[in-house]
Protein backbone atom coordinates (compact mmCIF):
# COMPACT_ATOMS: atom_id res chain seq x y z
CA MET A 1 0.00 0.00 0.00
CA LYS A 2 2.83 2.41 0.87
CA LYS A 3 4.54 1.65 -2.46
CA GLN A 4 1.32 2.40 -4.39
CA TYR A 5 0.89 5.64 -2.44
CA LEU A 6 4.44 6.68 -3.22
CA ILE A 7 4.03 6.07 -6.95
CA PHE A 8 0.75 7.94 -6.91
CA THR A 9 2.29 10.84 -5.02
CA LEU A 10 5.23 11.07 -7.41
CA LEU A 11 2.91 11.02 -10.41
CA PHE A 12 0.76 13.70 -8.85
CA SER A 13 3.76 15.86 -8.04
CA PHE A 14 4.96 15.63 -11.63
CA LEU A 15 1.59 16.50 -13.10
CA ALA A 16 1.02 19.27 -10.62
CA SER A 17 4.37 20.88 -11.29
CA ALA A 18 3.72 20.69 -15.03
CA SER A 19 0.42 22.50 -14.60
CA LEU A 20 1.63 25.33 -12.38
CA ALA A 21 2.25 27.64 -15.28
CA GLN A 22 -1.11 26.92 -16.89
CA LYS A 23 -3.41 29.90 -17.11
CA ARG A 24 -7.01 29.56 -18.18
CA TYR A 25 -7.76 31.38 -21.47
CA ILE A 26 -4.06 31.36 -22.32
CA ASP A 27 -2.88 27.75 -21.96
CA PRO A 28 -4.72 24.49 -22.79
CA ILE A 29 -6.33 23.23 -19.60
CA TYR A 30 -8.51 20.56 -21.24
CA SER A 31 -7.82 17.70 -23.62
CA ASP A 32 -9.35 17.05 -27.03
CA ALA A 33 -11.59 14.46 -25.39
CA ASP A 34 -12.99 17.11 -23.04
CA ILE A 35 -14.39 19.19 -25.93
CA GLU A 36 -17.86 18.79 -27.38
CA VAL A 37 -19.22 20.31 -30.57
CA THR A 38 -22.83 21.24 -31.27
CA SER A 39 -23.05 21.37 -35.05
CA ASP A 40 -25.30 23.28 -37.43
CA VAL A 41 -27.09 25.53 -34.98
CA LYS A 42 -29.28 27.80 -37.16
CA TYR A 43 -28.88 31.46 -36.35
CA ALA A 44 -30.46 33.20 -39.36
CA THR A 45 -32.25 32.88 -42.71
CA ASN A 46 -31.81 35.30 -45.57
CA ILE A 47 -31.79 35.63 -49.35
CA SER A 48 -29.18 33.58 -51.17
CA PHE A 49 -27.21 35.69 -53.64
CA LEU A 50 -25.49 32.57 -54.86
CA LEU A 51 -28.66 30.79 -55.94
CA SER A 52 -31.17 33.57 -56.68
CA LYS A 53 -31.89 35.04 -60.11
CA PHE A 54 -32.70 38.73 -60.43
CA SER A 55 -33.39 39.19 -64.16
CA ASN A 56 -37.21 38.95 -64.03
CA GLN A 57 -38.23 41.95 -61.94
CA ALA A 58 -41.88 40.97 -61.69
CA GLN A 59 -41.01 37.46 -60.49
CA VAL A 60 -38.48 38.84 -58.00
CA ILE A 61 -41.03 41.22 -56.50
CA GLY A 62 -43.63 38.44 -56.28
CA ASP A 63 -41.19 36.09 -54.57
CA LEU A 64 -40.03 38.72 -52.10
CA THR A 65 -43.61 39.65 -51.25
CA ALA A 66 -44.49 36.02 -50.53
CA ILE A 67 -41.39 35.46 -48.39
CA LYS A 68 -41.77 38.65 -46.35
CA THR A 69 -45.49 38.07 -45.87
CA ALA A 70 -44.78 34.63 -44.45
CA LEU A 71 -42.25 36.11 -42.01
CA ALA A 72 -44.54 38.96 -40.99
CA THR A 73 -47.40 36.60 -40.19
CA GLY A 74 -45.26 34.09 -38.32
CA GLN A 75 -45.53 31.46 -41.02
CA PRO A 76 -42.64 29.31 -42.27
CA ILE A 77 -41.10 30.30 -45.58
CA PRO A 78 -42.44 27.85 -48.23
CA LYS A 79 -40.02 25.05 -49.09
CA ALA A 80 -39.90 26.07 -52.75
CA TYR A 81 -37.77 29.08 -51.80
CA PHE A 82 -35.14 26.83 -50.21
CA ASP A 83 -34.92 24.41 -53.15
CA PRO A 84 -32.61 25.56 -55.96
CA ARG A 85 -34.15 22.92 -58.23
CA ASP A 86 -37.66 24.36 -57.88
CA ALA A 87 -38.23 26.55 -60.95
CA SER A 88 -41.40 28.13 -59.57
CA SER A 89 -39.39 30.91 -57.89
CA ASP A 90 -36.38 33.02 -58.81
CA ILE A 91 -35.54 34.12 -55.26
CA LYS A 92 -33.99 31.49 -53.02
CA VAL A 93 -33.24 31.69 -49.31
CA GLU A 94 -30.71 29.86 -47.19
CA ASN A 95 -30.29 29.02 -43.53
CA LEU A 96 -27.08 30.12 -41.87
CA ASN A 97 -25.56 27.84 -39.25
CA MET A 98 -22.82 27.83 -36.66
CA ASP A 99 -20.86 25.12 -34.86
CA VAL A 100 -20.30 25.65 -31.12
CA TYR A 101 -17.17 24.22 -29.43
CA ARG A 102 -16.89 24.12 -25.64
CA ALA A 103 -15.55 22.06 -22.77
CA LYS A 104 -18.07 19.52 -21.51
CA SER A 105 -20.07 20.53 -18.47
CA ASP A 106 -18.69 17.65 -16.42
CA VAL A 107 -15.17 19.09 -16.70
CA ASP A 108 -15.99 22.81 -16.80
CA SER A 109 -18.86 24.19 -14.77
CA LYS A 110 -18.23 27.85 -15.63
CA THR A 111 -21.18 29.69 -17.11
CA ASP A 112 -19.39 32.93 -17.97
CA ARG A 113 -16.93 31.84 -20.63
CA PRO A 114 -15.76 34.40 -23.19
CA VAL A 115 -16.57 33.73 -26.84
CA VAL A 116 -14.41 33.65 -29.96
CA ILE A 117 -16.32 33.72 -33.27
CA TYR A 118 -14.42 32.24 -36.22
CA LEU A 119 -15.18 33.53 -39.75
CA HIS A 120 -13.85 31.31 -42.53
CA THR A 121 -12.10 32.24 -45.75
CA GLY A 122 -13.48 31.50 -49.23
CA ASN A 123 -13.74 34.64 -51.42
CA PHE A 124 -17.53 34.67 -50.84
CA LEU A 125 -17.89 31.57 -52.99
CA PRO A 126 -18.11 27.87 -52.10
CA PRO A 127 -15.07 25.58 -52.36
CA VAL A 128 -14.06 24.61 -55.88
CA ILE A 129 -15.90 27.62 -57.33
CA ASN A 130 -13.65 29.82 -55.20
CA GLY A 131 -10.58 28.09 -56.62
CA SER A 132 -9.69 26.38 -53.35
CA PRO A 133 -10.54 23.26 -51.30
CA CYS A 134 -11.17 25.60 -48.33
CA GLY A 135 -13.93 28.06 -47.51
CA VAL A 136 -16.44 26.49 -45.08
CA LYS A 137 -16.93 26.48 -41.31
CA THR A 138 -15.42 23.00 -41.09
CA ASP A 139 -12.11 23.74 -42.81
CA SER A 140 -9.17 21.97 -41.20
CA SER A 141 -7.85 25.20 -39.70
CA ALA A 142 -11.33 26.12 -38.42
CA ILE A 143 -11.73 22.85 -36.53
CA VAL A 144 -8.28 23.02 -34.93
CA LEU A 145 -8.52 26.72 -34.03
CA CYS A 146 -11.95 26.33 -32.43
CA THR A 147 -10.86 23.20 -30.56
CA GLU A 148 -7.76 24.96 -29.23
CA TRP A 149 -9.81 27.93 -27.99
CA ALA A 150 -12.23 25.55 -26.29
CA LYS A 151 -9.32 23.70 -24.66
CA ARG A 152 -8.28 27.04 -23.13
CA GLY A 153 -11.73 27.60 -21.64
CA TYR A 154 -13.38 29.73 -24.34
CA VAL A 155 -16.59 28.95 -26.16
CA ALA A 156 -15.67 28.96 -29.86
CA VAL A 157 -18.21 29.49 -32.64
CA SER A 158 -17.47 28.70 -36.28
CA MET A 159 -20.03 30.80 -38.13
CA GLU A 160 -21.26 30.67 -41.72
CA TYR A 161 -22.03 33.80 -43.68
CA ARG A 162 -23.45 34.33 -47.16
CA GLY A 163 -21.42 34.43 -50.33
CA GLY A 164 -22.42 35.00 -53.90
CA TRP A 165 -20.93 37.20 -56.64
CA ASN A 166 -19.48 36.79 -60.13
CA PRO A 167 -15.67 37.02 -60.27
CA LEU A 168 -15.90 36.56 -64.05
CA ALA A 169 -18.02 39.67 -64.54
CA GLY A 170 -16.91 41.56 -67.61
CA SER A 171 -15.82 44.83 -65.99
CA GLU A 172 -13.93 45.95 -62.93
CA GLU A 173 -16.97 48.00 -61.92
CA GLU A 174 -19.20 44.93 -61.86
CA ARG A 175 -16.65 42.84 -59.94
CA LYS A 176 -16.03 45.63 -57.46
CA GLY A 177 -19.72 46.31 -56.84
CA GLN A 178 -20.62 42.68 -56.39
CA LEU A 179 -17.70 41.99 -54.05
CA LEU A 180 -18.34 45.07 -51.90
CA ASN A 181 -21.97 44.04 -51.55
CA ALA A 182 -20.91 40.52 -50.57
CA VAL A 183 -18.78 41.96 -47.75
CA TYR A 184 -21.65 44.20 -46.65
CA ARG A 185 -24.11 41.29 -46.53
CA ALA A 186 -21.64 39.15 -44.59
CA ILE A 187 -21.31 41.90 -41.98
CA HIS A 188 -25.10 41.85 -41.62
CA ASP A 189 -25.02 38.07 -41.18
CA VAL A 190 -22.42 38.22 -38.43
CA LYS A 191 -24.36 40.96 -36.63
CA GLN A 192 -27.37 38.66 -36.59
CA GLY A 193 -25.17 35.86 -35.25
CA VAL A 194 -23.77 38.04 -32.45
CA SER A 195 -27.30 39.17 -31.58
CA VAL A 196 -28.53 35.57 -31.40
CA ILE A 197 -25.59 34.54 -29.20
CA ARG A 198 -26.21 37.43 -26.83
CA SER A 199 -29.96 36.80 -26.72
CA GLU A 200 -29.44 33.11 -26.00
CA ALA A 201 -26.96 33.93 -23.24
CA ALA A 202 -29.45 36.30 -21.63
CA GLY A 203 -32.02 33.49 -21.62
CA SER A 204 -31.20 29.82 -21.16
CA ASN A 205 -27.45 30.32 -21.67
CA THR A 206 -27.15 26.81 -23.06
CA TYR A 207 -23.46 27.20 -23.83
CA GLY A 208 -22.38 28.86 -20.58
CA ILE A 209 -21.00 32.10 -22.01
CA ASP A 210 -20.24 35.64 -20.99
CA ALA A 211 -21.88 37.58 -23.79
CA SER A 212 -20.07 40.77 -22.78
CA ASN A 213 -16.76 39.30 -23.98
CA ILE A 214 -16.93 38.42 -27.68
CA THR A 215 -13.93 38.36 -30.02
CA LEU A 216 -14.26 38.18 -33.80
CA TYR A 217 -11.55 36.17 -35.55
CA GLY A 218 -11.52 36.35 -39.35
CA GLU A 219 -9.36 34.23 -41.65
CA GLY A 220 -8.66 35.46 -45.20
CA THR A 221 -12.00 36.67 -46.54
CA GLY A 222 -13.35 36.39 -43.01
CA GLY A 223 -10.63 38.86 -41.96
CA TYR A 224 -12.06 41.47 -44.34
CA VAL A 225 -15.50 40.83 -42.83
CA ALA A 226 -14.28 41.06 -39.22
CA LEU A 227 -12.39 44.30 -39.86
CA GLY A 228 -15.37 45.79 -41.71
CA TYR A 229 -17.67 44.71 -38.90
CA LEU A 230 -15.57 46.65 -36.42
CA THR A 231 -14.99 49.83 -38.39
CA LEU A 232 -17.96 50.45 -40.74
CA ASP A 233 -20.44 52.49 -38.71
CA LYS A 234 -21.45 55.52 -40.81
CA TYR A 235 -23.04 55.69 -44.24
CA PRO A 236 -20.62 58.40 -45.53
CA GLU A 237 -17.85 55.82 -45.13
CA MET A 238 -19.42 53.98 -48.06
CA GLU A 239 -19.27 57.12 -50.20
CA LEU A 240 -15.50 57.43 -50.45
CA PRO A 241 -14.44 57.96 -54.09
CA LYS A 242 -13.25 54.37 -54.48
CA PHE A 243 -16.67 53.09 -53.46
CA ILE A 244 -18.54 55.22 -56.03
CA ASN A 245 -19.83 53.53 -59.18
CA PRO A 246 -18.73 55.78 -62.07
CA LEU A 247 -21.77 54.70 -64.08
CA SER A 248 -24.30 55.91 -61.51
CA ASN A 249 -22.13 58.32 -59.50
CA LYS A 250 -23.53 56.68 -56.38
CA SER A 251 -22.12 54.21 -53.85
CA TYR A 252 -21.92 50.60 -54.93
CA ILE A 253 -23.80 49.88 -51.69
CA ASP A 254 -27.46 50.74 -52.25
CA THR A 255 -29.03 50.61 -48.80
CA ALA A 256 -32.52 50.68 -50.31
CA GLN A 257 -31.68 47.28 -51.81
CA VAL A 258 -29.42 45.60 -49.24
CA GLY A 259 -30.31 47.33 -45.97
CA LEU A 260 -28.94 49.81 -43.46
CA ILE A 261 -25.62 49.44 -41.67
CA ASP A 262 -27.30 47.80 -38.66
CA GLY A 263 -28.54 45.04 -40.97
CA SER A 264 -32.21 45.99 -41.11
CA ARG A 265 -34.58 46.91 -43.98
CA GLY A 266 -33.73 46.78 -47.69
CA LEU A 267 -35.69 45.17 -50.51
CA LEU A 268 -33.24 42.25 -50.79
CA ASN A 269 -32.91 41.65 -47.07
CA LEU A 270 -34.97 39.73 -44.51
CA TYR A 271 -33.33 40.94 -41.28
CA GLN A 272 -34.79 43.23 -38.68
CA SER A 273 -32.63 45.37 -36.41
CA PRO A 274 -30.55 43.21 -34.05
CA LYS A 275 -32.31 42.56 -30.75
CA THR A 276 -29.18 43.23 -28.69
CA ASP A 277 -26.04 45.32 -28.71
CA VAL A 278 -23.73 43.79 -31.34
CA THR A 279 -20.46 45.51 -30.47
CA VAL A 280 -17.53 43.17 -29.94
CA GLN A 281 -14.63 43.51 -27.55
CA ALA A 282 -11.77 42.62 -29.93
CA VAL A 283 -11.08 41.70 -33.55
CA VAL A 284 -8.35 39.37 -34.77
CA ASN A 285 -7.44 39.30 -38.44
CA ALA A 286 -5.48 36.52 -40.11
CA GLY A 287 -4.79 37.32 -43.73
CA GLY A 288 -7.38 40.01 -44.47
CA ALA A 289 -7.22 43.77 -44.95
CA LEU A 290 -9.23 46.89 -44.06
CA ALA A 291 -11.40 48.56 -46.69
CA ASP A 292 -10.06 51.96 -45.69
CA THR A 293 -8.15 53.22 -42.66
CA SER A 294 -10.47 56.25 -42.53
CA TRP A 295 -13.09 53.82 -41.21
CA LEU A 296 -10.93 53.27 -38.12
CA ASN A 297 -11.78 55.67 -35.32
CA ALA A 298 -10.72 56.23 -31.73
CA GLY A 299 -12.80 54.06 -29.42
CA ASP A 300 -13.01 51.08 -31.78
CA ALA A 301 -12.21 47.74 -30.15
CA PRO A 302 -8.60 46.53 -30.01
CA MET A 303 -7.13 44.83 -33.09
CA ILE A 304 -4.66 41.97 -33.37
CA THR A 305 -3.44 40.73 -36.72
CA PHE A 306 -1.41 38.00 -38.39
CA GLN A 307 -0.25 38.76 -41.89
CA ALA A 308 2.01 37.12 -44.44
CA VAL A 309 4.15 40.04 -45.59
CA ARG A 310 4.19 38.72 -49.16
CA ASP A 311 0.49 37.84 -49.36
CA PRO A 312 -0.55 38.52 -52.99
CA PHE A 313 -4.26 38.71 -52.17
CA ALA A 314 -4.26 40.99 -49.11
CA PRO A 315 -1.68 43.78 -49.34
CA PHE A 316 0.63 44.27 -46.38
CA ASN A 317 0.68 48.04 -46.90
CA GLU A 318 -1.73 49.49 -49.42
CA GLY A 319 -2.75 47.89 -52.65
CA ILE A 320 -5.44 46.48 -54.86
CA VAL A 321 -7.42 43.47 -53.68
CA VAL A 322 -6.90 40.70 -56.20
CA VAL A 323 -9.46 37.98 -56.88
CA PRO A 324 -7.73 34.61 -56.36
CA THR A 325 -9.94 32.88 -58.90
CA THR A 326 -9.03 35.21 -61.77
CA ASN A 327 -6.26 37.46 -60.41
CA GLY A 328 -8.45 40.41 -61.44
CA ASN A 329 -8.29 43.78 -59.66
CA VAL A 330 -11.17 44.81 -57.41
CA VAL A 331 -10.56 47.70 -55.01
CA GLU A 332 -7.74 49.43 -53.13
CA VAL A 333 -7.46 48.56 -49.43
CA GLN A 334 -5.04 49.05 -46.54
CA GLY A 335 -3.15 46.19 -44.96
CA ALA A 336 -1.99 45.26 -41.48
CA ASN A 337 1.20 47.34 -41.62
CA LEU A 338 -0.98 50.46 -41.84
CA PHE A 339 -4.17 49.78 -39.91
CA ILE A 340 -2.40 48.39 -36.83
CA GLN A 341 -0.12 51.43 -36.89
CA LYS A 342 -3.19 53.70 -36.82
CA ALA A 343 -5.03 51.63 -34.19
CA ASN A 344 -2.02 51.99 -31.91
CA ALA A 345 -1.61 55.71 -32.64
CA ILE A 346 -5.21 56.60 -31.73
CA GLY A 347 -5.13 54.56 -28.53
CA ASN A 348 -7.41 51.67 -29.46
CA ASN A 349 -4.83 49.11 -28.35
CA ASP A 350 -3.89 50.83 -25.10
CA ALA A 351 -5.49 47.98 -23.12
CA ILE A 352 -2.77 45.65 -24.36
CA LYS A 353 0.21 47.98 -24.17
CA ASN A 354 3.56 46.71 -22.95
CA MET A 355 3.02 42.99 -23.36
CA PRO A 356 5.80 41.02 -21.63
CA ALA A 357 9.21 41.46 -23.25
CA ASP A 358 10.30 37.96 -22.21
CA ASP A 359 7.46 36.22 -24.05
CA GLU A 360 8.82 34.25 -27.02
CA TYR A 361 5.96 35.14 -29.34
CA ASN A 362 6.28 38.85 -28.56
CA LYS A 363 10.03 38.71 -29.08
CA LYS A 364 9.60 36.98 -32.45
CA ALA A 365 7.07 39.52 -33.73
CA ARG A 366 9.10 42.48 -32.49
CA SER A 367 12.27 41.14 -34.11
CA HIS A 368 10.72 41.91 -37.52
CA TYR A 369 9.64 45.48 -36.77
CA GLY A 370 11.63 48.05 -38.72
CA ASN A 371 13.10 45.44 -41.10
CA THR A 372 13.15 45.97 -44.87
CA LEU A 373 12.51 42.90 -47.02
CA ASP A 374 12.38 41.99 -50.67
CA TYR A 375 8.73 42.17 -51.69
CA ILE A 376 6.75 40.04 -54.13
CA TYR A 377 6.76 42.09 -57.29
CA PRO A 378 9.25 41.37 -60.06
CA ALA A 379 10.60 44.92 -60.39
CA PRO A 380 14.27 45.07 -59.34
CA GLY A 381 14.82 46.51 -55.92
CA ASP A 382 11.19 46.39 -54.89
CA LYS A 383 11.17 46.42 -51.07
CA MET A 384 8.76 46.31 -48.15
CA THR A 385 9.55 47.84 -44.75
CA ILE A 386 7.68 46.61 -41.69
CA ASN A 387 6.82 49.64 -39.59
CA ASN A 388 8.32 50.08 -36.15
CA ASP A 389 5.14 51.05 -34.33
CA VAL A 390 3.02 48.00 -35.20
CA GLU A 391 2.75 46.21 -31.87
CA HIS A 392 0.03 43.50 -32.04
CA LEU A 393 0.98 42.67 -35.63
CA PHE A 394 2.67 39.31 -36.05
CA PRO A 395 4.39 39.45 -39.46
CA ILE A 396 4.78 36.11 -41.21
CA ILE A 397 7.71 35.93 -43.58
CA ARG A 398 7.69 33.13 -46.13
CA PRO A 399 10.05 32.58 -49.07
CA ILE A 400 9.46 34.46 -52.31
CA THR A 401 8.29 32.37 -55.24
CA ASP A 402 8.86 33.08 -58.93
CA ASP A 403 5.17 33.52 -59.65
CA LEU A 404 3.55 36.55 -57.97
CA TYR A 405 0.28 34.72 -57.25
CA ASN A 406 1.97 31.66 -55.80
CA ASN A 407 3.31 33.56 -52.81
CA ARG A 408 1.78 32.23 -49.62
CA SER A 409 -1.11 33.97 -47.95
CA GLY A 410 -2.47 31.51 -45.36
CA PRO A 411 0.25 29.12 -44.13
CA TRP A 412 -2.05 27.97 -41.30
CA GLN A 413 -4.40 26.37 -43.86
CA TRP A 414 -4.34 22.81 -45.08
CA TRP A 415 -6.77 20.33 -46.59
CA ASP A 416 -7.29 16.65 -47.28
CA PRO A 417 -6.00 16.01 -50.83
CA GLU A 418 -8.52 13.16 -51.16
CA SER A 419 -11.60 15.17 -50.15
CA PRO A 420 -14.33 15.83 -52.75
CA TYR A 421 -13.44 19.53 -52.74
CA ALA A 422 -9.77 18.78 -53.43
CA THR A 423 -10.27 16.11 -56.10
CA ALA A 424 -12.75 18.13 -58.17
CA GLU A 425 -11.26 18.95 -61.56
CA VAL A 426 -10.64 22.46 -62.76
CA SER A 427 -9.11 23.48 -66.06
CA PRO A 428 -6.81 26.48 -65.73
CA ASP A 429 -5.43 27.44 -69.13
CA ASN A 430 -7.55 24.61 -70.60
CA LEU A 431 -5.32 21.94 -69.05
CA PRO A 432 -7.37 18.74 -68.49
CA GLY A 433 -6.97 16.58 -65.38
CA VAL A 434 -5.98 19.43 -63.04
CA THR A 435 -7.65 19.10 -59.64
CA VAL A 436 -8.39 21.85 -57.12
CA HIS A 437 -5.69 20.33 -54.93
CA MET A 438 -3.12 20.57 -57.72
CA ALA A 439 -4.15 24.12 -58.61
CA SER A 440 -4.00 25.26 -54.97
CA LEU A 441 -0.74 23.60 -54.02
CA PRO A 442 1.69 26.12 -55.64
CA GLY A 443 0.53 28.79 -53.20
CA ASN A 444 1.04 26.50 -50.19
CA PRO A 445 3.37 23.74 -51.43
CA ASP A 446 4.32 22.33 -48.03
CA MET A 447 0.78 22.47 -46.62
CA GLY A 448 -0.23 19.81 -44.16
CA PRO A 449 -1.46 19.30 -40.59
CA GLU A 450 1.98 19.57 -39.00
CA LYS A 451 2.85 22.91 -40.58
CA GLY A 452 -0.70 24.25 -40.16
CA ARG A 453 -0.76 23.37 -36.46
CA THR A 454 2.63 25.02 -35.97
CA PHE A 455 1.24 28.31 -37.25
CA ILE A 456 -1.92 27.82 -35.17
CA ASP A 457 0.28 27.36 -32.09
CA THR A 458 1.81 30.76 -32.89
CA ILE A 459 -1.63 32.30 -33.32
CA MET A 460 -2.72 30.94 -29.94
CA GLY A 461 0.47 31.98 -28.19
CA TYR A 462 0.32 35.55 -29.51
CA MET A 463 -3.45 36.15 -29.51
CA CYS A 464 -4.74 34.49 -26.34
CA PRO A 465 -2.77 36.51 -23.75
CA ARG A 466 -3.96 39.71 -25.44
CA ILE A 467 -7.59 38.59 -25.49
CA ALA A 468 -7.34 37.53 -21.85
CA VAL A 469 -6.14 41.02 -20.92
CA ILE A 470 -8.85 42.72 -23.03
CA ASN A 471 -11.51 40.54 -21.38
CA GLY A 472 -10.24 41.47 -17.93
CA ASP A 473 -9.11 37.97 -16.95
CA TYR A 474 -5.51 39.10 -16.43
CA THR A 475 -3.50 42.27 -16.28
CA VAL A 476 -0.40 42.66 -18.43
CA ASP A 477 1.72 42.45 -15.28
CA GLN A 478 0.16 39.14 -14.31
CA LEU A 479 1.30 37.52 -17.53
CA SER A 480 4.86 37.72 -16.29
CA VAL A 481 4.13 36.60 -12.74
CA ASN A 482 5.52 33.09 -12.58
CA ASP A 483 7.15 33.20 -9.17
CA LYS A 484 6.07 30.42 -6.89
CA LEU A 485 5.45 31.55 -3.33
CA PRO A 486 5.91 29.28 -0.29
CA SER A 487 3.05 26.84 0.24
CA ASN A 488 2.79 27.86 3.91
CA ALA A 489 1.63 31.30 2.78
CA ALA A 490 -1.79 29.64 2.58
CA HIS A 491 -3.52 27.52 5.21
CA ILE A 492 -5.99 24.85 4.04
CA TYR A 493 -8.16 23.00 6.54
CA PRO A 494 -9.36 20.41 7.05
CA ASN A 495 -6.97 18.42 4.89
CA PRO A 496 -7.95 15.63 4.15
CA ALA A 497 -11.46 16.96 3.65
CA MET A 498 -14.88 15.50 2.91
CA ASN A 499 -17.37 18.32 2.29
CA GLU A 500 -15.84 21.77 2.72
CA ILE A 501 -12.44 23.38 3.00
CA THR A 502 -11.38 26.79 4.23
CA ILE A 503 -8.45 28.54 2.56
CA SER A 504 -6.77 31.34 4.46
CA VAL A 505 -4.00 33.33 2.76
CA ASP A 506 -1.61 35.68 4.54
CA ASN A 507 -2.85 39.25 4.27
CA GLN A 508 0.42 40.41 2.68
CA PHE A 509 -0.70 38.70 -0.54
CA ASN A 510 -3.49 39.94 -2.84
CA VAL A 511 -5.54 36.89 -3.90
CA GLN A 512 -6.90 36.97 -7.47
CA SER A 513 -8.17 33.44 -8.13
CA ILE A 514 -8.13 29.93 -6.75
CA ARG A 515 -8.02 26.90 -9.04
CA LEU A 516 -8.44 23.27 -8.08
CA MET A 517 -6.76 20.80 -10.46
CA ASP A 518 -7.23 17.04 -10.52
CA ILE A 519 -4.43 14.51 -11.00
CA THR A 520 -4.60 14.88 -14.79
CA GLY A 521 -4.03 18.64 -14.56
CA ARG A 522 -7.64 19.38 -15.44
CA GLU A 523 -9.33 22.33 -13.74
CA VAL A 524 -12.31 21.27 -11.60
CA LYS A 525 -13.01 24.55 -9.81
CA ASN A 526 -12.12 28.18 -10.52
CA ILE A 527 -13.00 30.77 -7.89
CA THR A 528 -12.57 34.50 -7.64
CA ALA A 529 -11.78 34.89 -3.99
CA ASN A 530 -10.54 36.99 -1.12
CA ASN A 531 -7.89 36.01 1.40
CA ILE A 532 -10.32 33.80 3.32
CA VAL A 533 -12.75 31.58 1.44
CA ARG A 534 -14.79 28.43 2.01
CA ILE A 535 -15.11 25.99 -0.88
CA ASN A 536 -17.59 23.14 -1.19
CA VAL A 537 -15.72 20.02 -2.33
CA SER A 538 -18.46 17.48 -1.67
CA ASP A 539 -19.03 17.12 -5.43
CA LEU A 540 -15.44 16.07 -6.07
CA GLN A 541 -14.44 12.43 -6.34
CA SER A 542 -12.12 11.03 -3.72
CA GLY A 543 -8.48 11.50 -4.61
CA TYR A 544 -5.63 13.96 -4.78
CA TYR A 545 -5.91 17.56 -5.97
CA MET A 546 -3.65 20.55 -6.41
CA ILE A 547 -4.79 23.97 -5.23
CA ASN A 548 -3.23 26.85 -7.19
CA ILE A 549 -3.76 30.25 -5.58
CA GLN A 550 -2.85 33.09 -7.92
CA THR A 551 -1.87 36.31 -6.21
CA SER A 552 -0.50 39.54 -7.60
CA GLU A 553 2.80 38.58 -5.96
CA GLY A 554 3.01 35.09 -7.40
CA LEU A 555 1.58 31.58 -7.19
CA ILE A 556 0.91 29.56 -4.05
CA SER A 557 0.47 25.82 -4.59
CA SER A 558 -0.67 23.22 -2.11
CA LYS A 559 -2.04 19.68 -2.13
CA LEU A 560 -5.49 18.56 -1.07
CA ILE A 561 -6.71 15.08 -0.28
CA LYS A 562 -10.44 14.56 -0.82
CA GLU A 563 -11.83 11.64 1.18
């Protein structure tokens, strides 16, 4: 018996020491097996611009009248409007869904978990049509990112939004107008999603969330949507010269057709005004760009960004958005090197100033600031300088390729080469037998789970401490507090315990939180406490636990035996 106890104690000591540095919302505290996913939760229904036809005005008006009448009278929208094969209607609608990732309730009893909403890439078109095997809420990177956030204690939501436009349109004006409207509609969709999440949290709170702490994370196209969501708040912002159709001398965004900025009204729109406040607390961009830095104003939420410096589809400084499917020009935008610089200058990122200098991710990002690099264009001597004052930008530097459009934009992405999306045939330059996988590989030639996860580890390591500070879970100073204080600075009694324990901490220490960890290193209780607190442990199984008491002066760790 003594031998068994010794082995058990040694194992516990090892696991406990390994978990001392773990911080909820920053480090993984749960395993993959602890995470559950609720798939295809419907959050909205609206007109499909991918499937609808708009040529017959009389038919369009008749369809819209029937759909809106059904909604106004509380009736379901007739099935014919959902079925693209049904020729009786020209207007089609689609349901928009989200997948919710969270730690299971038997391992995490918290009901105030912050939320990260993931917006996928895809050029506002479905996979294959968009020229890529990626572009849905279940992309490989989406699943891993959402799982990793959930393992850190967040509730992660992978959210669909509408696509639909014609990248083969005959003129730049048509392409530009259609793409700008696609972004605008996607912003409306995400606002509805945020409203639904907040409304659900205020009611049954099925997912155990804190609806006051929501972060938008956009990847590629989703990055454009997330940045637009944060910064587009006044109609005159849509009337900048580059957003004016030269044929009509009006904005490409016709609010009478597609609705107001809040997402309501509009002939071709089914949404009402959001039922709740839809502001978010932070935005993270991975591979997108901002429509215009003039949209960015003091008081906007903090921004964090990951950007491949040589991304051919989202300029690092300022440049023309290029359509990946055709390499056609669309509209001039500003990249991470500029919008993060402005966000810092106007104080929007003050909450995350002075992140720890000894953090490896911070050191890596900062090592690139001020550096001048060869850029992606073929002109001799073409250079790109990373600005000095771009804290919260993590520049990603990948090798230059010979072909401009084969430079890498999303190294965190990968796909299954045998999936239906990847094996579908395309015919660039009329070459038969070319699959989507083959056509996509030059831009990410060493793609795969190992490389993708490596970049996702970097995203987590750089993003999560910043989000935790923004959400108020930690101060910047606390991120560097790793000192372990003597265990006798805290008194725990009774120990062993059956039903309740009292923890008393010396008054010289400022207690911030108390965490109980089981033998696997899994958190079983997390308490915001004072220097004296009573904790009910009757619901815990018999065994050995570690109590980690975080103070502003350091960490106090002690063992607990539950009888």
